Amino acid sequence: MRRRMRAVTLGLILGTGLAVPWFGRGGPARAASLSSLEAQQQALEQQIHAERAAYNQAQATAAQLMGQIQDLSRQLNATQARMASTAQQLAAVEAQMARTRALYDRTQAAYQATLTQYTVMQAKLAATEKQLAYEKGLLTGQLRLIEEHGSVGYLDVLVGARTFQQFVSRMYLLGQVAGQAADEVATIRVEEQQETYEKTVLADDLSLLARRRAALAAAQSLLARQAAAAAALKAQEQAQALSLSAGISQRQQLMDQLRQQEASMLAAMSALRAQIAAVTAQIEQILGQFNAGGISRRQLYDKLYPLVAPIAARFGLSPALVIAVITQESGGNQSAVSSAGAIGLMQLEPATAAQIGVNPYDPYQNVVGGCTYLHDMLQLFHGNLALALAAYNAGPGAVEAYGDQIPPYPQTQQYVANVLALYRIYSSY
């Protein structure tokens, strides 16, 4: 760390004696290429972020559609169950209607037969009454003659007999005539009473049959209304079932489309990841690889992490950011000393180390001092990481001199680009 621009050196990585190419070499052309690749990498990361957001939204929509399909399926099952129940009710009502209709028809037939009997009985009774009236008329005439002439009439008949035998014969005939007339009148009266009784019975039967016919007609009407209501309910449930089936089919089609979109998005994200990997590989190549037989960047990160992580946490810094600064500053060489006198992993200048109160040759205290300074720069430039890194490299005065912009020094611009690129790489570990 220094407040002025300084040269860079080759260092040893964590005391292993393995040389590492320093990132300061390559000039402005490589910095421009790196910036272009970083911009490309950021654009690809934004695209994959957008694709992931769209994919998550598609999954959420698919889950919502699946819930709707399940709910509609439950409704459809319930509607189909109600349809089956309604169909059973309708069949039962129709069967009851058929039975009621048959009973009504039988009752109507009995009514017609009874009515016929009643009509015949009325005619028969009228004839009997007419005969009775006739016989009564004859008997009344005879009685009137007796009343008018007393026994003379009969005596005349008897006196007219010339012999005793004729007298006895005439007496017998007069008795038979009187008895026969009385018997006929009595018989006719009995017949009249019987026919009157039968007529009354038939009238009662007709009344009962009429009431039963009316009750059956009312029951038939009620059953007809129930059948109509059941048929309307069945039609309504059928329409609802068709609507639910159409809704399920429509949502299933949307589900299929979403599945296709998800597959397309996954393929697009896979392609974007491949592009990001290719760009990252180019960035790695530009930033340089350790020499053959050395350690990889991941191995360097893993070696530094146990030392850096707790210190970075104290200052609210990302371990990946601190390790990126260490990689750029010293290549991970805790014994590195620059031509300007900057010391250790984070290249603390002796004056700065003394001001902070740390021993720059102690790796732990060196990282504490570097994190302190980096934290101060972030606060000074209100959390702007690029400006804080530029201030760490060229000093805060240089950044302020250019209106809180990265100074137009090629080495500082390359420094900021390199650290940010390393930060992104380490953040993926």
Protein backbone atom coordinates (compact mmCIF):
# COMPACT_ATOMS: atom_id res chain seq x y z
CA MET A 1 0.00 0.00 0.00
CA ARG A 2 1.28 3.48 -0.80
CA ARG A 3 0.08 6.96 -1.55
CA ARG A 4 2.00 7.16 -4.81
CA MET A 5 2.40 4.91 -7.80
CA ARG A 6 5.02 2.24 -7.38
CA ALA A 7 6.68 -0.49 -9.42
CA VAL A 8 5.97 -4.16 -8.90
CA THR A 9 8.27 -7.09 -8.38
CA LEU A 10 8.26 -10.84 -8.56
CA GLY A 11 7.51 -12.50 -5.22
CA LEU A 12 7.53 -15.90 -3.64
CA ILE A 13 4.16 -17.48 -2.95
CA LEU A 14 3.67 -18.08 0.78
CA GLY A 15 7.33 -18.84 1.21
CA THR A 16 7.28 -21.80 -1.23
CA GLY A 17 9.89 -20.29 -3.50
CA LEU A 18 7.58 -20.54 -6.54
CA ALA A 19 7.78 -17.54 -8.81
CA VAL A 20 4.61 -15.89 -10.07
CA PRO A 21 4.29 -13.39 -12.97
CA TRP A 22 3.26 -9.98 -11.63
CA PHE A 23 0.00 -8.49 -12.90
CA GLY A 24 1.55 -5.08 -13.45
CA ARG A 25 3.16 -6.18 -16.66
CA GLY A 26 1.44 -5.96 -20.03
CA GLY A 27 0.66 -2.28 -20.35
CA PRO A 28 -2.52 -0.41 -21.24
CA ALA A 29 -3.45 -2.74 -24.12
CA ARG A 30 -3.94 -5.69 -21.78
CA ALA A 31 -5.87 -3.49 -19.34
CA ALA A 32 -8.20 -2.45 -22.16
CA SER A 33 -8.67 -6.07 -23.21
CA LEU A 34 -9.32 -7.05 -19.62
CA SER A 35 -11.86 -4.25 -19.19
CA SER A 36 -13.65 -5.39 -22.35
CA LEU A 37 -13.74 -8.96 -21.12
CA GLU A 38 -14.97 -7.83 -17.71
CA ALA A 39 -17.73 -5.81 -19.35
CA GLN A 40 -18.61 -8.85 -21.44
CA GLN A 41 -18.57 -11.02 -18.32
CA GLN A 42 -20.83 -8.58 -16.46
CA ALA A 43 -23.25 -8.47 -19.40
CA LEU A 44 -23.34 -12.26 -19.51
CA GLU A 45 -23.88 -12.43 -15.76
CA GLN A 46 -26.75 -9.93 -16.08
CA GLN A 47 -28.25 -12.04 -18.84
CA ILE A 48 -28.00 -15.22 -16.81
CA HIS A 49 -29.45 -13.37 -13.83
CA ALA A 50 -32.38 -12.25 -15.99
CA GLU A 51 -32.78 -15.77 -17.37
CA ARG A 52 -32.71 -17.19 -13.85
CA ALA A 53 -35.32 -14.66 -12.70
CA ALA A 54 -37.51 -15.53 -15.68
CA TYR A 55 -36.97 -19.23 -14.99
CA ASN A 56 -37.94 -18.78 -11.34
CA GLN A 57 -41.00 -16.81 -12.41
CA ALA A 58 -41.91 -19.57 -14.86
CA GLN A 59 -41.52 -22.14 -12.10
CA ALA A 60 -43.70 -20.07 -9.78
CA THR A 61 -46.31 -19.72 -12.52
CA ALA A 62 -46.12 -23.44 -13.20
CA ALA A 63 -46.60 -24.18 -9.50
CA GLN A 64 -49.58 -21.83 -9.43
CA LEU A 65 -51.04 -23.50 -12.52
CA MET A 66 -50.45 -26.92 -10.99
CA GLY A 67 -52.31 -25.80 -7.88
CA GLN A 68 -55.16 -24.53 -10.06
CA ILE A 69 -55.23 -27.79 -12.01
CA GLN A 70 -55.37 -29.79 -8.78
CA ASP A 71 -58.14 -27.56 -7.42
CA LEU A 72 -60.10 -27.81 -10.67
CA SER A 73 -59.59 -31.58 -10.69
CA ARG A 74 -61.00 -31.81 -7.18
CA GLN A 75 -63.97 -29.66 -8.24
CA LEU A 76 -64.44 -31.83 -11.34
CA ASN A 77 -64.39 -35.01 -9.26
CA ALA A 78 -66.92 -33.53 -6.85
CA THR A 79 -69.11 -32.39 -9.77
CA GLN A 80 -68.93 -35.81 -11.38
CA ALA A 81 -69.90 -37.40 -8.06
CA ARG A 82 -72.85 -35.01 -7.80
CA MET A 83 -73.78 -35.83 -11.39
CA ALA A 84 -73.85 -39.54 -10.55
CA SER A 85 -75.96 -38.85 -7.46
CA THR A 86 -78.31 -36.59 -9.45
CA ALA A 87 -78.62 -39.23 -12.15
CA GLN A 88 -79.60 -41.78 -9.51
CA GLN A 89 -82.14 -39.36 -8.03
CA LEU A 90 -83.53 -38.65 -11.48
CA ALA A 91 -83.81 -42.37 -12.24
CA ALA A 92 -85.58 -42.95 -8.90
CA VAL A 93 -88.01 -40.08 -9.57
CA GLU A 94 -88.70 -41.36 -13.08
CA ALA A 95 -89.31 -44.88 -11.71
CA GLN A 96 -91.67 -43.45 -9.08
CA MET A 97 -93.41 -41.46 -11.79
CA ALA A 98 -93.86 -44.64 -13.81
CA ARG A 99 -95.33 -46.43 -10.78
CA THR A 100 -97.59 -43.49 -9.99
CA ARG A 101 -98.71 -43.29 -13.60
CA ALA A 102 -99.56 -47.02 -13.61
CA LEU A 103 -101.50 -46.68 -10.35
CA TYR A 104 -103.27 -43.60 -11.74
CA ASP A 105 -104.20 -45.52 -14.89
CA ARG A 106 -105.56 -48.41 -12.82
CA THR A 107 -107.49 -46.00 -10.63
CA GLN A 108 -108.87 -44.27 -13.69
CA ALA A 109 -109.95 -47.62 -15.13
CA ALA A 110 -111.63 -48.55 -11.83
CA TYR A 111 -113.30 -45.16 -11.76
CA GLN A 112 -114.66 -45.63 -15.28
CA ALA A 113 -115.89 -49.15 -14.46
CA THR A 114 -117.55 -47.94 -11.26
CA LEU A 115 -119.05 -45.02 -13.12
CA THR A 116 -120.49 -47.45 -15.67
CA GLN A 117 -121.92 -49.60 -12.87
CA TYR A 118 -123.31 -46.48 -11.25
CA THR A 119 -124.98 -45.44 -14.49
CA VAL A 120 -126.45 -48.92 -14.98
CA MET A 121 -127.62 -48.97 -11.37
CA GLN A 122 -129.23 -45.55 -11.82
CA ALA A 123 -131.13 -46.84 -14.87
CA LYS A 124 -132.11 -50.01 -13.07
CA LEU A 125 -133.24 -48.06 -10.02
CA ALA A 126 -135.27 -45.74 -12.23
CA ALA A 127 -136.97 -48.75 -13.84
CA THR A 128 -137.66 -50.28 -10.44
CA GLU A 129 -139.05 -47.03 -9.15
CA LYS A 130 -141.27 -46.84 -12.26
CA GLN A 131 -142.49 -50.43 -11.73
CA LEU A 132 -143.04 -49.75 -8.05
CA ALA A 133 -145.04 -46.67 -8.93
CA TYR A 134 -147.12 -48.71 -11.32
CA GLU A 135 -147.80 -51.47 -8.79
CA LYS A 136 -148.51 -48.92 -6.14
CA GLY A 137 -150.95 -47.28 -8.49
CA LEU A 138 -152.82 -50.55 -9.03
CA LEU A 139 -152.88 -51.36 -5.36
CA THR A 140 -153.95 -47.83 -4.52
CA GLY A 141 -156.81 -48.12 -7.03
CA GLN A 142 -157.95 -51.34 -5.47
CA LEU A 143 -157.75 -49.89 -2.01
CA ARG A 144 -159.68 -46.84 -3.16
CA LEU A 145 -162.47 -49.08 -4.49
CA ILE A 146 -162.60 -50.88 -1.17
CA GLU A 147 -162.74 -47.56 0.66
CA GLU A 148 -165.43 -46.24 -1.66
CA HIS A 149 -167.67 -49.33 -1.73
CA GLY A 150 -166.61 -51.06 1.43
CA SER A 151 -166.97 -54.84 1.19
CA VAL A 152 -169.74 -54.60 -1.30
CA GLY A 153 -167.50 -54.98 -4.18
CA TYR A 154 -166.11 -58.25 -2.85
CA LEU A 155 -169.59 -59.35 -1.70
CA ASP A 156 -170.92 -58.66 -5.11
CA VAL A 157 -168.30 -60.95 -6.46
CA LEU A 158 -169.19 -63.57 -3.90
CA VAL A 159 -173.01 -63.10 -4.25
CA GLY A 160 -172.64 -63.58 -7.92
CA ALA A 161 -171.63 -67.16 -7.25
CA ARG A 162 -174.38 -69.55 -8.10
CA THR A 163 -173.02 -72.51 -6.26
CA PHE A 164 -171.03 -73.00 -3.12
CA GLN A 165 -168.15 -74.24 -5.14
CA GLN A 166 -168.16 -71.08 -7.19
CA PHE A 167 -168.31 -69.13 -3.94
CA VAL A 168 -165.22 -70.88 -2.51
CA SER A 169 -163.41 -70.53 -5.78
CA ARG A 170 -164.13 -66.84 -5.95
CA MET A 171 -163.03 -66.36 -2.36
CA TYR A 172 -159.73 -68.07 -3.12
CA LEU A 173 -159.13 -66.02 -6.21
CA LEU A 174 -159.84 -62.77 -4.36
CA GLY A 175 -157.31 -63.76 -1.65
CA GLN A 176 -154.67 -64.65 -4.22
CA VAL A 177 -155.15 -61.35 -6.01
CA ALA A 178 -154.82 -59.33 -2.80
CA GLY A 179 -151.81 -61.35 -1.56
CA GLN A 180 -150.06 -61.22 -4.91
CA ALA A 181 -150.46 -57.46 -5.08
CA ALA A 182 -149.09 -57.08 -1.57
CA ASP A 183 -146.16 -59.40 -2.32
CA GLU A 184 -145.30 -57.54 -5.48
CA VAL A 185 -145.33 -54.26 -3.66
CA ALA A 186 -143.11 -55.65 -0.87
CA THR A 187 -140.69 -57.19 -3.39
CA ILE A 188 -140.44 -54.00 -5.32
CA ARG A 189 -139.81 -52.08 -2.11
CA VAL A 190 -136.97 -54.49 -1.17
CA GLU A 191 -135.46 -54.16 -4.65
CA GLU A 192 -135.72 -50.39 -4.39
CA GLN A 193 -133.95 -50.39 -1.02
CA GLN A 194 -131.19 -52.69 -2.33
CA GLU A 195 -130.66 -50.63 -5.44
CA THR A 196 -130.65 -47.44 -3.38
CA TYR A 197 -127.98 -48.97 -1.13
CA GLU A 198 -125.90 -50.11 -4.09
CA LYS A 199 -126.25 -46.68 -5.64
CA THR A 200 -125.00 -45.12 -2.38
CA VAL A 201 -122.05 -47.54 -2.26
CA LEU A 202 -121.20 -46.80 -5.88
CA ALA A 203 -121.42 -43.07 -5.19
CA ASP A 204 -119.02 -43.50 -2.26
CA ASP A 205 -116.68 -45.54 -4.46
CA LEU A 206 -116.84 -42.87 -7.14
CA SER A 207 -116.02 -40.17 -4.56
CA LEU A 208 -113.12 -42.22 -3.16
CA LEU A 209 -111.77 -42.96 -6.63
CA ALA A 210 -112.07 -39.31 -7.59
CA ARG A 211 -110.11 -38.26 -4.50
CA ARG A 212 -107.49 -40.94 -5.17
CA ARG A 213 -107.26 -39.86 -8.80
CA ALA A 214 -106.77 -36.23 -7.71
CA ALA A 215 -104.09 -37.27 -5.19
CA LEU A 216 -102.30 -39.33 -7.84
CA ALA A 217 -102.49 -36.42 -10.28
CA ALA A 218 -100.98 -34.11 -7.62
CA ALA A 219 -98.25 -36.67 -6.89
CA GLN A 220 -97.56 -37.02 -10.61
CA SER A 221 -97.31 -33.25 -10.92
CA LEU A 222 -94.91 -33.08 -7.97
CA LEU A 223 -92.79 -35.88 -9.40
CA ALA A 224 -92.76 -34.10 -12.75
CA ARG A 225 -91.47 -30.94 -11.08
CA GLN A 226 -88.85 -32.97 -9.21
CA ALA A 227 -87.81 -34.65 -12.44
CA ALA A 228 -87.57 -31.27 -14.17
CA ALA A 229 -85.47 -29.89 -11.30
CA ALA A 230 -83.20 -32.95 -11.34
CA ALA A 231 -82.82 -32.70 -15.11
CA ALA A 232 -81.96 -29.00 -14.84
CA LEU A 233 -79.44 -29.77 -12.08
CA LYS A 234 -77.93 -32.52 -14.18
CA ALA A 235 -77.61 -30.16 -17.15
CA GLN A 236 -76.03 -27.52 -14.92
CA GLU A 237 -73.55 -30.01 -13.50
CA GLN A 238 -72.72 -31.27 -16.99
CA ALA A 239 -72.04 -27.68 -18.10
CA GLN A 240 -69.89 -27.13 -15.00
CA ALA A 241 -67.98 -30.35 -15.68
CA LEU A 242 -67.36 -29.25 -19.28
CA SER A 243 -66.17 -25.85 -18.04
CA LEU A 244 -63.86 -27.43 -15.49
CA SER A 245 -62.49 -29.85 -18.08
CA ALA A 246 -61.85 -26.95 -20.46
CA GLY A 247 -60.10 -25.02 -17.66
CA ILE A 248 -57.91 -28.02 -16.85
CA SER A 249 -57.08 -28.52 -20.53
CA GLN A 250 -56.24 -24.83 -20.97
CA ARG A 251 -53.99 -24.77 -17.93
CA GLN A 252 -52.36 -28.01 -18.99
CA GLN A 253 -51.51 -26.41 -22.32
CA LEU A 254 -50.03 -23.44 -20.46
CA MET A 255 -48.09 -25.89 -18.29
CA ASP A 256 -46.68 -27.57 -21.40
CA GLN A 257 -45.70 -24.18 -22.80
CA LEU A 258 -44.04 -23.24 -19.51
CA ARG A 259 -42.15 -26.54 -19.44
CA GLN A 260 -40.90 -25.82 -22.93
CA GLN A 261 -39.92 -22.30 -21.86
CA GLU A 262 -38.16 -23.69 -18.79
CA ALA A 263 -36.23 -26.14 -20.96
CA SER A 264 -35.32 -23.30 -23.32
CA MET A 265 -34.27 -21.11 -20.38
CA LEU A 266 -32.15 -23.90 -18.90
CA ALA A 267 -30.47 -24.35 -22.25
CA ALA A 268 -29.92 -20.59 -22.51
CA MET A 269 -28.50 -20.43 -18.97
CA SER A 270 -26.24 -23.38 -19.76
CA ALA A 271 -25.02 -21.59 -22.89
CA LEU A 272 -24.49 -18.38 -20.89
CA ARG A 273 -22.54 -20.29 -18.23
CA ALA A 274 -20.38 -21.74 -20.97
CA GLN A 275 -19.78 -18.24 -22.34
CA ILE A 276 -18.99 -16.92 -18.85
CA ALA A 277 -16.59 -19.82 -18.32
CA ALA A 278 -14.91 -19.01 -21.64
CA VAL A 279 -14.63 -15.31 -20.76
CA THR A 280 -13.37 -16.19 -17.27
CA ALA A 281 -10.76 -18.44 -18.85
CA GLN A 282 -9.66 -15.56 -21.06
CA ILE A 283 -9.49 -13.29 -18.00
CA GLU A 284 -7.44 -15.95 -16.21
CA GLN A 285 -5.14 -16.19 -19.18
CA ILE A 286 -4.71 -12.41 -19.31
CA LEU A 287 -4.13 -12.20 -15.56
CA GLY A 288 -1.56 -14.98 -15.91
CA GLN A 289 -1.21 -18.46 -14.53
CA PHE A 290 1.35 -19.70 -12.11
CA ASN A 291 4.33 -21.45 -13.70
CA ALA A 292 4.26 -25.15 -14.36
CA GLY A 293 4.64 -27.09 -11.17
CA GLY A 294 3.33 -24.12 -9.09
CA ILE A 295 -0.01 -23.78 -7.32
CA SER A 296 -3.25 -22.72 -8.96
CA ARG A 297 -5.23 -19.63 -8.14
CA ARG A 298 -7.74 -21.79 -6.25
CA GLN A 299 -4.95 -23.29 -4.17
CA LEU A 300 -3.69 -19.79 -3.39
CA TYR A 301 -7.19 -18.74 -2.33
CA ASP A 302 -7.56 -21.81 -0.12
CA LYS A 303 -4.17 -21.18 1.56
CA LEU A 304 -4.93 -17.52 2.30
CA TYR A 305 -8.56 -17.94 3.36
CA PRO A 306 -7.96 -19.23 6.94
CA LEU A 307 -5.73 -16.21 7.66
CA VAL A 308 -7.83 -13.61 5.88
CA ALA A 309 -11.45 -14.60 6.68
CA PRO A 310 -11.58 -13.69 10.42
CA ILE A 311 -9.69 -10.42 9.86
CA ALA A 312 -11.92 -9.42 6.92
CA ALA A 313 -15.00 -10.16 9.03
CA ARG A 314 -13.81 -7.70 11.71
CA PHE A 315 -13.80 -4.91 9.14
CA GLY A 316 -16.98 -5.98 7.27
CA LEU A 317 -14.97 -6.87 4.17
CA SER A 318 -15.36 -9.83 1.84
CA PRO A 319 -12.51 -12.39 2.19
CA ALA A 320 -12.57 -12.72 -1.61
CA LEU A 321 -11.90 -8.97 -1.97
CA VAL A 322 -9.00 -9.00 0.50
CA ILE A 323 -7.43 -12.07 -1.15
CA ALA A 324 -7.83 -10.36 -4.56
CA VAL A 325 -5.88 -7.32 -3.23
CA ILE A 326 -3.23 -9.64 -1.74
CA THR A 327 -2.91 -11.51 -5.05
CA GLN A 328 -2.47 -8.24 -6.94
CA GLU A 329 -0.15 -6.66 -4.36
CA SER A 330 2.20 -9.52 -3.54
CA GLY A 331 1.10 -12.63 -5.34
CA GLY A 332 0.58 -14.14 -1.88
CA ASN A 333 4.24 -13.72 -0.89
CA GLN A 334 4.40 -12.74 2.76
CA SER A 335 8.08 -11.79 2.36
CA ALA A 336 7.61 -9.58 -0.71
CA VAL A 337 9.22 -6.13 -0.58
CA SER A 338 8.71 -3.69 -3.44
CA SER A 339 11.34 -1.30 -4.84
CA ALA A 340 9.45 1.46 -3.03
CA GLY A 341 9.80 -0.39 0.29
CA ALA A 342 6.23 -1.71 0.60
CA ILE A 343 6.20 -4.84 2.73
CA GLY A 344 4.36 -8.16 2.96
CA LEU A 345 1.12 -9.63 1.71
CA MET A 346 -0.72 -6.33 1.35
CA GLN A 347 2.39 -4.25 0.64
CA LEU A 348 2.22 -1.90 3.62
CA GLU A 349 4.60 1.02 3.56
CA PRO A 350 6.57 1.28 6.81
CA ALA A 351 5.14 4.72 7.64
CA THR A 352 1.60 3.56 7.11
CA ALA A 353 2.24 0.42 9.18
CA ALA A 354 3.66 2.53 11.99
CA GLN A 355 0.71 4.90 11.81
CA ILE A 356 -1.74 1.99 12.07
CA GLY A 357 0.40 0.31 14.74
CA VAL A 358 1.14 -3.06 13.11
CA ASN A 359 4.25 -5.04 12.27
CA PRO A 360 4.27 -5.29 8.44
CA TYR A 361 6.55 -8.33 8.50
CA ASP A 362 4.00 -10.35 10.49
CA PRO A 363 1.51 -11.84 8.01
CA TYR A 364 -1.43 -11.51 10.44
CA GLN A 365 -0.64 -7.88 11.38
CA ASN A 366 0.11 -7.08 7.75
CA VAL A 367 -3.38 -8.19 6.73
CA VAL A 368 -4.86 -6.27 9.69
CA GLY A 369 -3.10 -3.12 8.49
CA GLY A 370 -4.14 -3.62 4.87
CA CYS A 371 -7.78 -4.26 5.85
CA THR A 372 -7.72 -1.16 8.07
CA TYR A 373 -6.52 1.00 5.21
CA LEU A 374 -8.91 -0.55 2.65
CA HIS A 375 -11.82 -0.08 5.08
CA ASP A 376 -10.86 3.57 5.54
CA MET A 377 -10.73 4.13 1.77
CA LEU A 378 -14.20 2.57 1.34
CA GLN A 379 -15.57 4.91 3.99
CA LEU A 380 -13.79 7.90 2.48
CA PHE A 381 -15.31 7.25 -0.96
CA HIS A 382 -18.74 6.24 0.37
CA GLY A 383 -18.49 2.53 -0.44
CA ASN A 384 -17.35 2.99 -4.06
CA LEU A 385 -15.12 -0.07 -4.44
CA ALA A 386 -13.38 1.03 -7.65
CA LEU A 387 -12.39 4.40 -6.13
CA ALA A 388 -11.28 2.73 -2.90
CA LEU A 389 -9.02 0.37 -4.87
CA ALA A 390 -7.64 3.26 -6.92
CA ALA A 391 -6.89 5.10 -3.65
CA TYR A 392 -5.23 1.96 -2.22
CA ASN A 393 -2.92 1.92 -5.28
CA ALA A 394 -2.32 5.60 -6.08
CA GLY A 395 -3.37 7.28 -2.83
CA PRO A 396 -6.61 9.09 -1.95
CA GLY A 397 -5.14 12.45 -2.97
CA ALA A 398 -4.79 11.31 -6.57
CA VAL A 399 -8.42 10.15 -6.68
CA GLU A 400 -9.63 13.41 -5.16
CA ALA A 401 -7.45 15.42 -7.53
CA TYR A 402 -9.35 13.97 -10.47
CA GLY A 403 -12.76 14.75 -9.01
CA ASP A 404 -13.32 11.43 -7.29
CA GLN A 405 -12.56 9.52 -10.46
CA ILE A 406 -10.02 6.78 -11.14
CA PRO A 407 -6.85 8.60 -12.09
CA PRO A 408 -5.87 8.28 -15.75
CA TYR A 409 -2.74 6.35 -14.83
CA PRO A 410 -2.53 3.16 -16.93
CA GLN A 411 -0.99 1.23 -14.05
CA THR A 412 -3.75 2.31 -11.59
CA GLN A 413 -6.52 1.62 -14.08
CA GLN A 414 -5.03 -1.81 -14.76
CA TYR A 415 -4.67 -2.37 -11.00
CA VAL A 416 -8.34 -1.65 -10.36
CA ALA A 417 -9.43 -3.85 -13.31
CA ASN A 418 -7.20 -6.71 -12.13
CA VAL A 419 -8.43 -6.63 -8.53
CA LEU A 420 -12.09 -6.46 -9.58
CA ALA A 421 -11.57 -9.38 -11.96
CA LEU A 422 -9.85 -11.41 -9.26
CA TYR A 423 -12.60 -10.45 -6.80
CA ARG A 424 -15.24 -11.86 -9.14
CA ILE A 425 -13.27 -15.05 -9.67
CA TYR A 426 -12.67 -15.59 -5.95
CA SER A 427 -16.31 -14.78 -5.16
CA SER A 428 -17.31 -17.81 -7.22
CA TYR A 429 -15.24 -20.17 -5.03
